Amino acid sequence: MGLLEALKKYLNPPNSVVIFISEYEAIFGHLKYIRDSVAHIEDRGRGVDKHQKRIPTNFLILGAFIERRFGFTASDGKFYEIELSESTLFSAQRILQKIISAYSWE
């Protein structure tokens, strides 16, 4: 479970924060698949998930840069990618700043 998931599930955030977290998850939720695949590249290279079960695909991509995008085959057999750009970083920063600003810091 990621930080934003835990914030939403256990810390009773304001409604606006729940909305902002949902926005973040809609845009960047697939990053967990890329992160897990990068962190466990030895499993992906053998074509298995964290439970050592075969990944349901016939084609593995173990980290690929395609123009300005980085992608990986994940444990569910799907290919996930993210654009590596200033606009992507600004989008993430904008949403995270809205989450932080939604709280009273007195």
PDB file of N, CA and C in Angstrom:
ATOM      1  N   MET A   1       0.846  -1.170   0.000  1.00  0.00           N
ATOM      2  CA  MET A   1       0.000   0.000   0.000  1.00  0.00           C
ATOM      3  C   MET A   1       0.892   1.234   0.000  1.00  0.00           C
ATOM      4  N   GLY A   2       0.570   2.151  -0.878  1.00  0.00           N
ATOM      5  CA  GLY A   2       1.336   3.372  -0.985  1.00  0.00           C
ATOM      6  C   GLY A   2       0.908   4.412   0.033  1.00  0.00           C
ATOM      7  N   LEU A   3       1.676   5.449   0.123  1.00  0.00           N
ATOM      8  CA  LEU A   3       1.423   6.522   1.086  1.00  0.00           C
ATOM      9  C   LEU A   3       0.046   7.156   0.886  1.00  0.00           C
ATOM     10  N   LEU A   4      -0.305   7.476  -0.352  1.00  0.00           N
ATOM     11  CA  LEU A   4      -1.596   8.119  -0.590  1.00  0.00           C
ATOM     12  C   LEU A   4      -2.757   7.179  -0.299  1.00  0.00           C
ATOM     13  N   GLU A   5      -2.600   5.892  -0.606  1.00  0.00           N
ATOM     14  CA  GLU A   5      -3.637   4.916  -0.269  1.00  0.00           C
ATOM     15  C   GLU A   5      -3.839   4.851   1.244  1.00  0.00           C
ATOM     16  N   ALA A   6      -2.745   4.815   1.993  1.00  0.00           N
ATOM     17  CA  ALA A   6      -2.828   4.753   3.456  1.00  0.00           C
ATOM     18  C   ALA A   6      -3.463   6.028   4.009  1.00  0.00           C
ATOM     19  N   LEU A   7      -3.102   7.172   3.445  1.00  0.00           N
ATOM     20  CA  LEU A   7      -3.690   8.441   3.873  1.00  0.00           C
ATOM     21  C   LEU A   7      -5.206   8.399   3.692  1.00  0.00           C
ATOM     22  N   LYS A   8      -5.640   7.926   2.539  1.00  0.00           N
ATOM     23  CA  LYS A   8      -7.077   7.881   2.247  1.00  0.00           C
ATOM     24  C   LYS A   8      -7.803   6.853   3.106  1.00  0.00           C
ATOM     25  N   LYS A   9      -7.183   5.718   3.337  1.00  0.00           N
ATOM     26  CA  LYS A   9      -7.850   4.628   4.035  1.00  0.00           C
ATOM     27  C   LYS A   9      -7.864   4.783   5.554  1.00  0.00           C
ATOM     28  N   TYR A  10      -6.756   5.239   6.138  1.00  0.00           N
ATOM     29  CA  TYR A  10      -6.615   5.192   7.592  1.00  0.00           C
ATOM     30  C   TYR A  10      -6.632   6.535   8.314  1.00  0.00           C
ATOM     31  N   LEU A  11      -6.416   7.622   7.623  1.00  0.00           N
ATOM     32  CA  LEU A  11      -6.223   8.892   8.322  1.00  0.00           C
ATOM     33  C   LEU A  11      -7.374   9.883   8.162  1.00  0.00           C
ATOM     34  N   ASN A  12      -8.507   9.420   7.636  1.00  0.00           N
ATOM     35  CA  ASN A  12      -9.712  10.231   7.548  1.00  0.00           C
ATOM     36  C   ASN A  12      -9.432  11.644   7.012  1.00  0.00           C
ATOM     37  N   PRO A  13      -8.937  11.728   5.780  1.00  0.00           N
ATOM     38  CA  PRO A  13      -8.607  13.043   5.221  1.00  0.00           C
ATOM     39  C   PRO A  13      -9.858  13.822   4.838  1.00  0.00           C
ATOM     40  N   PRO A  14      -9.730  15.130   4.648  1.00  0.00           N
ATOM     41  CA  PRO A  14     -10.863  15.921   4.170  1.00  0.00           C
ATOM     42  C   PRO A  14     -11.337  15.402   2.807  1.00  0.00           C
ATOM     43  N   ASN A  15     -12.593  15.661   2.482  1.00  0.00           N
ATOM     44  CA  ASN A  15     -13.148  15.192   1.204  1.00  0.00           C
ATOM     45  C   ASN A  15     -12.335  15.661   0.009  1.00  0.00           C
ATOM     46  N   SER A  16     -11.838  16.886   0.068  1.00  0.00           N
ATOM     47  CA  SER A  16     -11.045  17.403  -1.056  1.00  0.00           C
ATOM     48  C   SER A  16      -9.788  16.569  -1.269  1.00  0.00           C
ATOM     49  N   VAL A  17      -9.185  16.101  -0.186  1.00  0.00           N
ATOM     50  CA  VAL A  17      -7.985  15.271  -0.301  1.00  0.00           C
ATOM     51  C   VAL A  17      -8.318  13.937  -0.976  1.00  0.00           C
ATOM     52  N   VAL A  18      -9.448  13.370  -0.620  1.00  0.00           N
ATOM     53  CA  VAL A  18      -9.879  12.113  -1.253  1.00  0.00           C
ATOM     54  C   VAL A  18     -10.030  12.321  -2.757  1.00  0.00           C
ATOM     55  N   ILE A  19     -10.595  13.442  -3.145  1.00  0.00           N
ATOM     56  CA  ILE A  19     -10.758  13.756  -4.569  1.00  0.00           C
ATOM     57  C   ILE A  19      -9.397  13.918  -5.249  1.00  0.00           C
ATOM     58  N   PHE A  20      -8.483  14.624  -4.596  1.00  0.00           N
ATOM     59  CA  PHE A  20      -7.151  14.834  -5.177  1.00  0.00           C
ATOM     60  C   PHE A  20      -6.388  13.510  -5.297  1.00  0.00           C
ATOM     61  N   ILE A  21      -6.515  12.648  -4.291  1.00  0.00           N
ATOM     62  CA  ILE A  21      -5.857  11.345  -4.346  1.00  0.00           C
ATOM     63  C   ILE A  21      -6.443  10.514  -5.488  1.00  0.00           C
ATOM     64  N   SER A  22      -7.734  10.570  -5.665  1.00  0.00           N
ATOM     65  CA  SER A  22      -8.369   9.848  -6.781  1.00  0.00           C
ATOM     66  C   SER A  22      -7.871  10.377  -8.117  1.00  0.00           C
ATOM     67  N   GLU A  23      -7.691  11.679  -8.213  1.00  0.00           N
ATOM     68  CA  GLU A  23      -7.141  12.288  -9.435  1.00  0.00           C
ATOM     69  C   GLU A  23      -5.726  11.769  -9.690  1.00  0.00           C
ATOM     70  N   TYR A  24      -4.913  11.749  -8.640  1.00  0.00           N
ATOM     71  CA  TYR A  24      -3.545  11.248  -8.768  1.00  0.00           C
ATOM     72  C   TYR A  24      -3.542   9.784  -9.206  1.00  0.00           C
ATOM     73  N   GLU A  25      -4.384   8.975  -8.579  1.00  0.00           N
ATOM     74  CA  GLU A  25      -4.446   7.552  -8.916  1.00  0.00           C
ATOM     75  C   GLU A  25      -4.905   7.339 -10.354  1.00  0.00           C
ATOM     76  N   ALA A  26      -5.825   8.162 -10.837  1.00  0.00           N
ATOM     77  CA  ALA A  26      -6.301   8.028 -12.212  1.00  0.00           C
ATOM     78  C   ALA A  26      -5.189   8.315 -13.219  1.00  0.00           C
ATOM     79  N   ILE A  27      -4.339   9.274 -12.893  1.00  0.00           N
ATOM     80  CA  ILE A  27      -3.269   9.658 -13.820  1.00  0.00           C
ATOM     81  C   ILE A  27      -2.009   8.816 -13.617  1.00  0.00           C
ATOM     82  N   PHE A  28      -1.657   8.543 -12.360  1.00  0.00           N
ATOM     83  CA  PHE A  28      -0.369   7.920 -12.053  1.00  0.00           C
ATOM     84  C   PHE A  28      -0.472   6.569 -11.338  1.00  0.00           C
ATOM     85  N   GLY A  29      -1.653   6.022 -11.208  1.00  0.00           N
ATOM     86  CA  GLY A  29      -1.829   4.768 -10.469  1.00  0.00           C
ATOM     87  C   GLY A  29      -1.030   3.600 -11.015  1.00  0.00           C
ATOM     88  N   HIS A  30      -0.760   3.619 -12.315  1.00  0.00           N
ATOM     89  CA  HIS A  30      -0.012   2.523 -12.939  1.00  0.00           C
ATOM     90  C   HIS A  30       1.482   2.547 -12.602  1.00  0.00           C
ATOM     91  N   LEU A  31       1.958   3.614 -11.986  1.00  0.00           N
ATOM     92  CA  LEU A  31       3.387   3.688 -11.665  1.00  0.00           C
ATOM     93  C   LEU A  31       3.825   2.606 -10.686  1.00  0.00           C
ATOM     94  N   LYS A  32       2.911   2.146  -9.853  1.00  0.00           N
ATOM     95  CA  LYS A  32       3.256   1.073  -8.918  1.00  0.00           C
ATOM     96  C   LYS A  32       3.682  -0.184  -9.684  1.00  0.00           C
ATOM     97  N   TYR A  33       3.024  -0.461 -10.783  1.00  0.00           N
ATOM     98  CA  TYR A  33       3.395  -1.628 -11.588  1.00  0.00           C
ATOM     99  C   TYR A  33       4.805  -1.478 -12.156  1.00  0.00           C
ATOM    100  N   ILE A  34       5.122  -0.269 -12.616  1.00  0.00           N
ATOM    101  CA  ILE A  34       6.464  -0.021 -13.154  1.00  0.00           C
ATOM    102  C   ILE A  34       7.486  -0.116 -12.031  1.00  0.00           C
ATOM    103  N   ARG A  35       7.205   0.503 -10.900  1.00  0.00           N
ATOM    104  CA  ARG A  35       8.127   0.456  -9.759  1.00  0.00           C
ATOM    105  C   ARG A  35       8.382  -0.967  -9.304  1.00  0.00           C
ATOM    106  N   ASP A  36       7.314  -1.755  -9.167  1.00  0.00           N
ATOM    107  CA  ASP A  36       7.475  -3.142  -8.722  1.00  0.00           C
ATOM    108  C   ASP A  36       8.294  -3.951  -9.723  1.00  0.00           C
ATOM    109  N   SER A  37       8.075  -3.708 -10.999  1.00  0.00           N
ATOM    110  CA  SER A  37       8.812  -4.443 -12.023  1.00  0.00           C
ATOM    111  C   SER A  37      10.290  -4.067 -12.031  1.00  0.00           C
ATOM    112  N   VAL A  38      10.571  -2.786 -11.848  1.00  0.00           N
ATOM    113  CA  VAL A  38      11.968  -2.346 -11.782  1.00  0.00           C
ATOM    114  C   VAL A  38      12.641  -2.929 -10.540  1.00  0.00           C
ATOM    115  N   ALA A  39      11.953  -2.878  -9.409  1.00  0.00           N
ATOM    116  CA  ALA A  39      12.536  -3.369  -8.160  1.00  0.00           C
ATOM    117  C   ALA A  39      12.716  -4.879  -8.148  1.00  0.00           C
ATOM    118  N   HIS A  40      11.933  -5.584  -8.941  1.00  0.00           N
ATOM    119  CA  HIS A  40      12.002  -7.049  -8.969  1.00  0.00           C
ATOM    120  C   HIS A  40      12.308  -7.545 -10.376  1.00  0.00           C
ATOM    121  N   ILE A  41      13.276  -6.891 -10.998  1.00  0.00           N
ATOM    122  CA  ILE A  41      13.624  -7.212 -12.381  1.00  0.00           C
ATOM    123  C   ILE A  41      14.085  -8.664 -12.534  1.00  0.00           C
ATOM    124  N   GLU A  42      14.664  -9.223 -11.469  1.00  0.00           N
ATOM    125  CA  GLU A  42      15.107 -10.613 -11.545  1.00  0.00           C
ATOM    126  C   GLU A  42      13.917 -11.557 -11.725  1.00  0.00           C
ATOM    127  N   ASP A  43      12.796 -11.261 -11.073  1.00  0.00           N
ATOM    128  CA  ASP A  43      11.584 -12.060 -11.269  1.00  0.00           C
ATOM    129  C   ASP A  43      11.016 -11.842 -12.663  1.00  0.00           C
ATOM    130  N   ARG A  44      10.939 -10.559 -13.082  1.00  0.00           N
ATOM    131  CA  ARG A  44      10.393 -10.275 -14.411  1.00  0.00           C
ATOM    132  C   ARG A  44      11.237 -10.937 -15.485  1.00  0.00           C
ATOM    133  N   GLY A  45      12.538 -10.937 -15.309  1.00  0.00           N
ATOM    134  CA  GLY A  45      13.428 -11.565 -16.283  1.00  0.00           C
ATOM    135  C   GLY A  45      13.192 -13.062 -16.411  1.00  0.00           C
ATOM    136  N   ARG A  46      12.730 -13.670 -15.339  1.00  0.00           N
ATOM    137  CA  ARG A  46      12.385 -15.100 -15.377  1.00  0.00           C
ATOM    138  C   ARG A  46      10.933 -15.322 -15.762  1.00  0.00           C
ATOM    139  N   GLY A  47      10.195 -14.205 -15.945  1.00  0.00           N
ATOM    140  CA  GLY A  47       8.804 -14.304 -16.365  1.00  0.00           C
ATOM    141  C   GLY A  47       7.841 -14.682 -15.264  1.00  0.00           C
ATOM    142  N   VAL A  48       8.179 -14.326 -14.014  1.00  0.00           N
ATOM    143  CA  VAL A  48       7.310 -14.675 -12.891  1.00  0.00           C
ATOM    144  C   VAL A  48       6.977 -13.435 -12.057  1.00  0.00           C
ATOM    145  N   ASP A  49       5.875 -13.552 -11.297  1.00  0.00           N
ATOM    146  CA  ASP A  49       5.490 -12.473 -10.395  1.00  0.00           C
ATOM    147  C   ASP A  49       6.101 -12.718  -9.015  1.00  0.00           C
ATOM    148  N   LYS A  50       5.698 -11.942  -8.016  1.00  0.00           N
ATOM    149  CA  LYS A  50       6.302 -12.070  -6.682  1.00  0.00           C
ATOM    150  C   LYS A  50       5.973 -13.391  -6.002  1.00  0.00           C
ATOM    151  N   HIS A  51       4.954 -14.089  -6.498  1.00  0.00           N
ATOM    152  CA  HIS A  51       4.588 -15.398  -5.942  1.00  0.00           C
ATOM    153  C   HIS A  51       5.177 -16.539  -6.774  1.00  0.00           C
ATOM    154  N   GLN A  52       6.074 -16.179  -7.689  1.00  0.00           N
ATOM    155  CA  GLN A  52       6.763 -17.118  -8.573  1.00  0.00           C
ATOM    156  C   GLN A  52       5.815 -17.809  -9.564  1.00  0.00           C
ATOM    157  N   LYS A  53       4.678 -17.160  -9.839  1.00  0.00           N
ATOM    158  CA  LYS A  53       3.743 -17.667 -10.847  1.00  0.00           C
ATOM    159  C   LYS A  53       4.066 -17.009 -12.181  1.00  0.00           C
ATOM    160  N   ARG A  54       3.886 -17.732 -13.266  1.00  0.00           N
ATOM    161  CA  ARG A  54       4.184 -17.219 -14.597  1.00  0.00           C
ATOM    162  C   ARG A  54       3.359 -15.970 -14.900  1.00  0.00           C
ATOM    163  N   ILE A  55       4.007 -15.010 -15.505  1.00  0.00           N
ATOM    164  CA  ILE A  55       3.321 -13.797 -15.946  1.00  0.00           C
ATOM    165  C   ILE A  55       2.545 -14.141 -17.214  1.00  0.00           C
ATOM    166  N   PRO A  56       1.259 -13.765 -17.275  1.00  0.00           N
ATOM    167  CA  PRO A  56       0.427 -14.145 -18.417  1.00  0.00           C
ATOM    168  C   PRO A  56       0.706 -13.315 -19.676  1.00  0.00           C
ATOM    169  N   THR A  57       1.851 -13.543 -20.276  1.00  0.00           N
ATOM    170  CA  THR A  57       2.210 -12.866 -21.524  1.00  0.00           C
ATOM    171  C   THR A  57       3.237 -13.711 -22.269  1.00  0.00           C
ATOM    172  N   ASN A  58       3.332 -13.499 -23.549  1.00  0.00           N
ATOM    173  CA  ASN A  58       4.344 -14.172 -24.357  1.00  0.00           C
ATOM    174  C   ASN A  58       5.481 -13.238 -24.712  1.00  0.00           C
ATOM    175  N   PHE A  59       5.390 -11.994 -24.234  1.00  0.00           N
ATOM    176  CA  PHE A  59       6.363 -10.985 -24.628  1.00  0.00           C
ATOM    177  C   PHE A  59       6.714 -10.129 -23.424  1.00  0.00           C
ATOM    178  N   LEU A  60       7.946 -10.194 -22.958  1.00  0.00           N
ATOM    179  CA  LEU A  60       8.394  -9.410 -21.805  1.00  0.00           C
ATOM    180  C   LEU A  60       9.253  -8.240 -22.253  1.00  0.00           C
ATOM    181  N   ILE A  61       8.968  -7.079 -21.707  1.00  0.00           N
ATOM    182  CA  ILE A  61       9.826  -5.921 -21.921  1.00  0.00           C
ATOM    183  C   ILE A  61      10.372  -5.531 -20.556  1.00  0.00           C
ATOM    184  N   LEU A  62      11.672  -5.648 -20.417  1.00  0.00           N
ATOM    185  CA  LEU A  62      12.321  -5.406 -19.126  1.00  0.00           C
ATOM    186  C   LEU A  62      12.949  -4.015 -19.093  1.00  0.00           C
ATOM    187  N   GLY A  63      12.114  -3.026 -19.223  1.00  0.00           N
ATOM    188  CA  GLY A  63      12.570  -1.645 -19.194  1.00  0.00           C
ATOM    189  C   GLY A  63      12.905  -1.175 -20.583  1.00  0.00           C
ATOM    190  N   ALA A  64      12.097  -0.286 -21.110  1.00  0.00           N
ATOM    191  CA  ALA A  64      12.321   0.221 -22.462  1.00  0.00           C
ATOM    192  C   ALA A  64      12.074   1.719 -22.492  1.00  0.00           C
ATOM    193  N   PHE A  65      12.987   2.412 -23.137  1.00  0.00           N
ATOM    194  CA  PHE A  65      12.783   3.825 -23.420  1.00  0.00           C
ATOM    195  C   PHE A  65      12.311   3.921 -24.860  1.00  0.00           C
ATOM    196  N   ILE A  66      11.124   4.462 -25.044  1.00  0.00           N
ATOM    197  CA  ILE A  66      10.558   4.654 -26.366  1.00  0.00           C
ATOM    198  C   ILE A  66      10.281   6.151 -26.486  1.00  0.00           C
ATOM    199  N   GLU A  67      11.164   6.814 -27.195  1.00  0.00           N
ATOM    200  CA  GLU A  67      11.155   8.272 -27.259  1.00  0.00           C
ATOM    201  C   GLU A  67      11.205   8.838 -25.844  1.00  0.00           C
ATOM    202  N   ARG A  68      10.150   9.525 -25.394  1.00  0.00           N
ATOM    203  CA  ARG A  68      10.158  10.141 -24.057  1.00  0.00           C
ATOM    204  C   ARG A  68       9.383   9.320 -23.044  1.00  0.00           C
ATOM    205  N   ARG A  69       9.201   8.053 -23.312  1.00  0.00           N
ATOM    206  CA  ARG A  69       8.417   7.204 -22.423  1.00  0.00           C
ATOM    207  C   ARG A  69       9.291   6.051 -21.921  1.00  0.00           C
ATOM    208  N   PHE A  70       9.020   5.645 -20.666  1.00  0.00           N
ATOM    209  CA  PHE A  70       9.699   4.483 -20.082  1.00  0.00           C
ATOM    210  C   PHE A  70       8.627   3.473 -19.733  1.00  0.00           C
ATOM    211  N   GLY A  71       8.863   2.215 -20.093  1.00  0.00           N
ATOM    212  CA  GLY A  71       7.854   1.205 -19.827  1.00  0.00           C
ATOM    213  C   GLY A  71       8.430  -0.130 -19.420  1.00  0.00           C
ATOM    214  N   PHE A  72       7.563  -0.980 -18.891  1.00  0.00           N
ATOM    215  CA  PHE A  72       7.935  -2.285 -18.350  1.00  0.00           C
ATOM    216  C   PHE A  72       6.740  -3.218 -18.433  1.00  0.00           C
ATOM    217  N   THR A  73       6.997  -4.495 -18.679  1.00  0.00           N
ATOM    218  CA  THR A  73       5.944  -5.500 -18.541  1.00  0.00           C
ATOM    219  C   THR A  73       5.785  -5.770 -17.053  1.00  0.00           C
ATOM    220  N   ALA A  74       4.540  -5.712 -16.578  1.00  0.00           N
ATOM    221  CA  ALA A  74       4.254  -5.883 -15.157  1.00  0.00           C
ATOM    222  C   ALA A  74       3.830  -7.317 -14.853  1.00  0.00           C
ATOM    223  N   SER A  75       3.637  -7.578 -13.585  1.00  0.00           N
ATOM    224  CA  SER A  75       3.289  -8.925 -13.135  1.00  0.00           C
ATOM    225  C   SER A  75       1.948  -9.405 -13.669  1.00  0.00           C
ATOM    226  N   ASP A  76       1.085  -8.476 -14.099  1.00  0.00           N
ATOM    227  CA  ASP A  76      -0.199  -8.887 -14.671  1.00  0.00           C
ATOM    228  C   ASP A  76      -0.114  -9.140 -16.171  1.00  0.00           C
ATOM    229  N   GLY A  77       1.090  -9.013 -16.739  1.00  0.00           N
ATOM    230  CA  GLY A  77       1.305  -9.280 -18.156  1.00  0.00           C
ATOM    231  C   GLY A  77       1.086  -8.081 -19.058  1.00  0.00           C
ATOM    232  N   LYS A  78       0.644  -6.969 -18.489  1.00  0.00           N
ATOM    233  CA  LYS A  78       0.403  -5.767 -19.279  1.00  0.00           C
ATOM    234  C   LYS A  78       1.663  -4.911 -19.336  1.00  0.00           C
ATOM    235  N   PHE A  79       1.751  -4.096 -20.365  1.00  0.00           N
ATOM    236  CA  PHE A  79       2.850  -3.155 -20.524  1.00  0.00           C
ATOM    237  C   PHE A  79       2.392  -1.799 -20.024  1.00  0.00           C
ATOM    238  N   TYR A  80       3.113  -1.240 -19.055  1.00  0.00           N
ATOM    239  CA  TYR A  80       2.799   0.077 -18.493  1.00  0.00           C
ATOM    240  C   TYR A  80       3.936   1.023 -18.825  1.00  0.00           C
ATOM    241  N   GLU A  81       3.587   2.261 -19.102  1.00  0.00           N
ATOM    242  CA  GLU A  81       4.621   3.247 -19.412  1.00  0.00           C
ATOM    243  C   GLU A  81       4.242   4.609 -18.864  1.00  0.00           C
ATOM    244  N   ILE A  82       5.252   5.453 -18.743  1.00  0.00           N
ATOM    245  CA  ILE A  82       5.069   6.814 -18.244  1.00  0.00           C
ATOM    246  C   ILE A  82       5.913   7.745 -19.105  1.00  0.00           C
ATOM    247  N   GLU A  83       5.346   8.874 -19.421  1.00  0.00           N
ATOM    248  CA  GLU A  83       6.108   9.880 -20.157  1.00  0.00           C
ATOM    249  C   GLU A  83       7.087  10.547 -19.196  1.00  0.00           C
ATOM    250  N   LEU A  84       8.317  10.645 -19.620  1.00  0.00           N
ATOM    251  CA  LEU A  84       9.345  11.313 -18.820  1.00  0.00           C
ATOM    252  C   LEU A  84       9.485  12.734 -19.350  1.00  0.00           C
ATOM    253  N   SER A  85       8.759  13.632 -18.722  1.00  0.00           N
ATOM    254  CA  SER A  85       8.765  15.007 -19.211  1.00  0.00           C
ATOM    255  C   SER A  85       8.513  15.971 -18.061  1.00  0.00           C
ATOM    256  N   GLU A  86       8.780  17.205 -18.345  1.00  0.00           N
ATOM    257  CA  GLU A  86       8.536  18.262 -17.373  1.00  0.00           C
ATOM    258  C   GLU A  86       7.043  18.365 -17.067  1.00  0.00           C
ATOM    259  N   SER A  87       6.197  18.205 -18.067  1.00  0.00           N
ATOM    260  CA  SER A  87       4.755  18.324 -17.838  1.00  0.00           C
ATOM    261  C   SER A  87       4.238  17.198 -16.947  1.00  0.00           C
ATOM    262  N   THR A  88       4.802  16.000 -17.070  1.00  0.00           N
ATOM    263  CA  THR A  88       4.407  14.898 -16.193  1.00  0.00           C
ATOM    264  C   THR A  88       4.776  15.211 -14.747  1.00  0.00           C
ATOM    265  N   LEU A  89       5.979  15.695 -14.542  1.00  0.00           N
ATOM    266  CA  LEU A  89       6.411  16.057 -13.187  1.00  0.00           C
ATOM    267  C   LEU A  89       5.559  17.186 -12.619  1.00  0.00           C
ATOM    268  N   PHE A  90       5.245  18.181 -13.429  1.00  0.00           N
ATOM    269  CA  PHE A  90       4.412  19.288 -12.958  1.00  0.00           C
ATOM    270  C   PHE A  90       3.006  18.810 -12.605  1.00  0.00           C
ATOM    271  N   SER A  91       2.469  17.850 -13.363  1.00  0.00           N
ATOM    272  CA  SER A  91       1.143  17.304 -13.057  1.00  0.00           C
ATOM    273  C   SER A  91       1.147  16.629 -11.693  1.00  0.00           C
ATOM    274  N   ALA A  92       2.164  15.817 -11.444  1.00  0.00           N
ATOM    275  CA  ALA A  92       2.262  15.144 -10.143  1.00  0.00           C
ATOM    276  C   ALA A  92       2.453  16.162  -9.031  1.00  0.00           C
ATOM    277  N   GLN A  93       3.328  17.129  -9.253  1.00  0.00           N
ATOM    278  CA  GLN A  93       3.595  18.155  -8.245  1.00  0.00           C
ATOM    279  C   GLN A  93       2.337  18.955  -7.940  1.00  0.00           C
ATOM    280  N   ARG A  94       1.572  19.309  -8.957  1.00  0.00           N
ATOM    281  CA  ARG A  94       0.357  20.107  -8.786  1.00  0.00           C
ATOM    282  C   ARG A  94      -0.654  19.379  -7.897  1.00  0.00           C
ATOM    283  N   ILE A  95      -0.853  18.087  -8.156  1.00  0.00           N
ATOM    284  CA  ILE A  95      -1.816  17.327  -7.364  1.00  0.00           C
ATOM    285  C   ILE A  95      -1.321  17.145  -5.933  1.00  0.00           C
ATOM    286  N   LEU A  96      -0.054  16.801  -5.777  1.00  0.00           N
ATOM    287  CA  LEU A  96       0.491  16.611  -4.427  1.00  0.00           C
ATOM    288  C   LEU A  96       0.451  17.909  -3.629  1.00  0.00           C
ATOM    289  N   GLN A  97       0.707  19.041  -4.288  1.00  0.00           N
ATOM    290  CA  GLN A  97       0.627  20.328  -3.592  1.00  0.00           C
ATOM    291  C   GLN A  97      -0.801  20.626  -3.162  1.00  0.00           C
ATOM    292  N   LYS A  98      -1.786  20.270  -3.989  1.00  0.00           N
ATOM    293  CA  LYS A  98      -3.193  20.469  -3.602  1.00  0.00           C
ATOM    294  C   LYS A  98      -3.533  19.631  -2.368  1.00  0.00           C
ATOM    295  N   ILE A  99      -2.984  18.418  -2.292  1.00  0.00           N
ATOM    296  CA  ILE A  99      -3.209  17.562  -1.119  1.00  0.00           C
ATOM    297  C   ILE A  99      -2.624  18.227   0.124  1.00  0.00           C
ATOM    298  N   ILE A 100      -1.396  18.669   0.039  1.00  0.00           N
ATOM    299  CA  ILE A 100      -0.740  19.316   1.181  1.00  0.00           C
ATOM    300  C   ILE A 100      -1.480  20.586   1.592  1.00  0.00           C
ATOM    301  N   SER A 101      -1.890  21.371   0.612  1.00  0.00           N
ATOM    302  CA  SER A 101      -2.563  22.653   0.894  1.00  0.00           C
ATOM    303  C   SER A 101      -3.967  22.467   1.450  1.00  0.00           C
ATOM    304  N   ALA A 102      -4.560  21.295   1.296  1.00  0.00           N
ATOM    305  CA  ALA A 102      -5.907  21.050   1.795  1.00  0.00           C
ATOM    306  C   ALA A 102      -5.966  20.950   3.313  1.00  0.00           C
ATOM    307  N   TYR A 103      -4.800  20.786   3.939  1.00  0.00           N
ATOM    308  CA  TYR A 103      -4.739  20.672   5.393  1.00  0.00           C
ATOM    309  C   TYR A 103      -4.433  22.029   6.020  1.00  0.00           C
ATOM    310  N   SER A 104      -4.904  22.201   7.243  1.00  0.00           N
ATOM    311  CA  SER A 104      -4.580  23.388   8.015  1.00  0.00           C
ATOM    312  C   SER A 104      -3.252  23.131   8.729  1.00  0.00           C
ATOM    313  N   TRP A 105      -2.308  24.017   8.538  1.00  0.00           N
ATOM    314  CA  TRP A 105      -0.966  23.793   9.117  1.00  0.00           C
ATOM    315  C   TRP A 105      -0.667  24.805  10.216  1.00  0.00           C
ATOM    316  N   GLU A 106      -1.631  25.034  11.066  1.00  0.00           N
ATOM    317  CA  GLU A 106      -1.442  25.988  12.160  1.00  0.00           C
ATOM    318  C   GLU A 106      -0.832  25.331  13.367  1.00  0.00           C
TER     319      GLU A 106
END
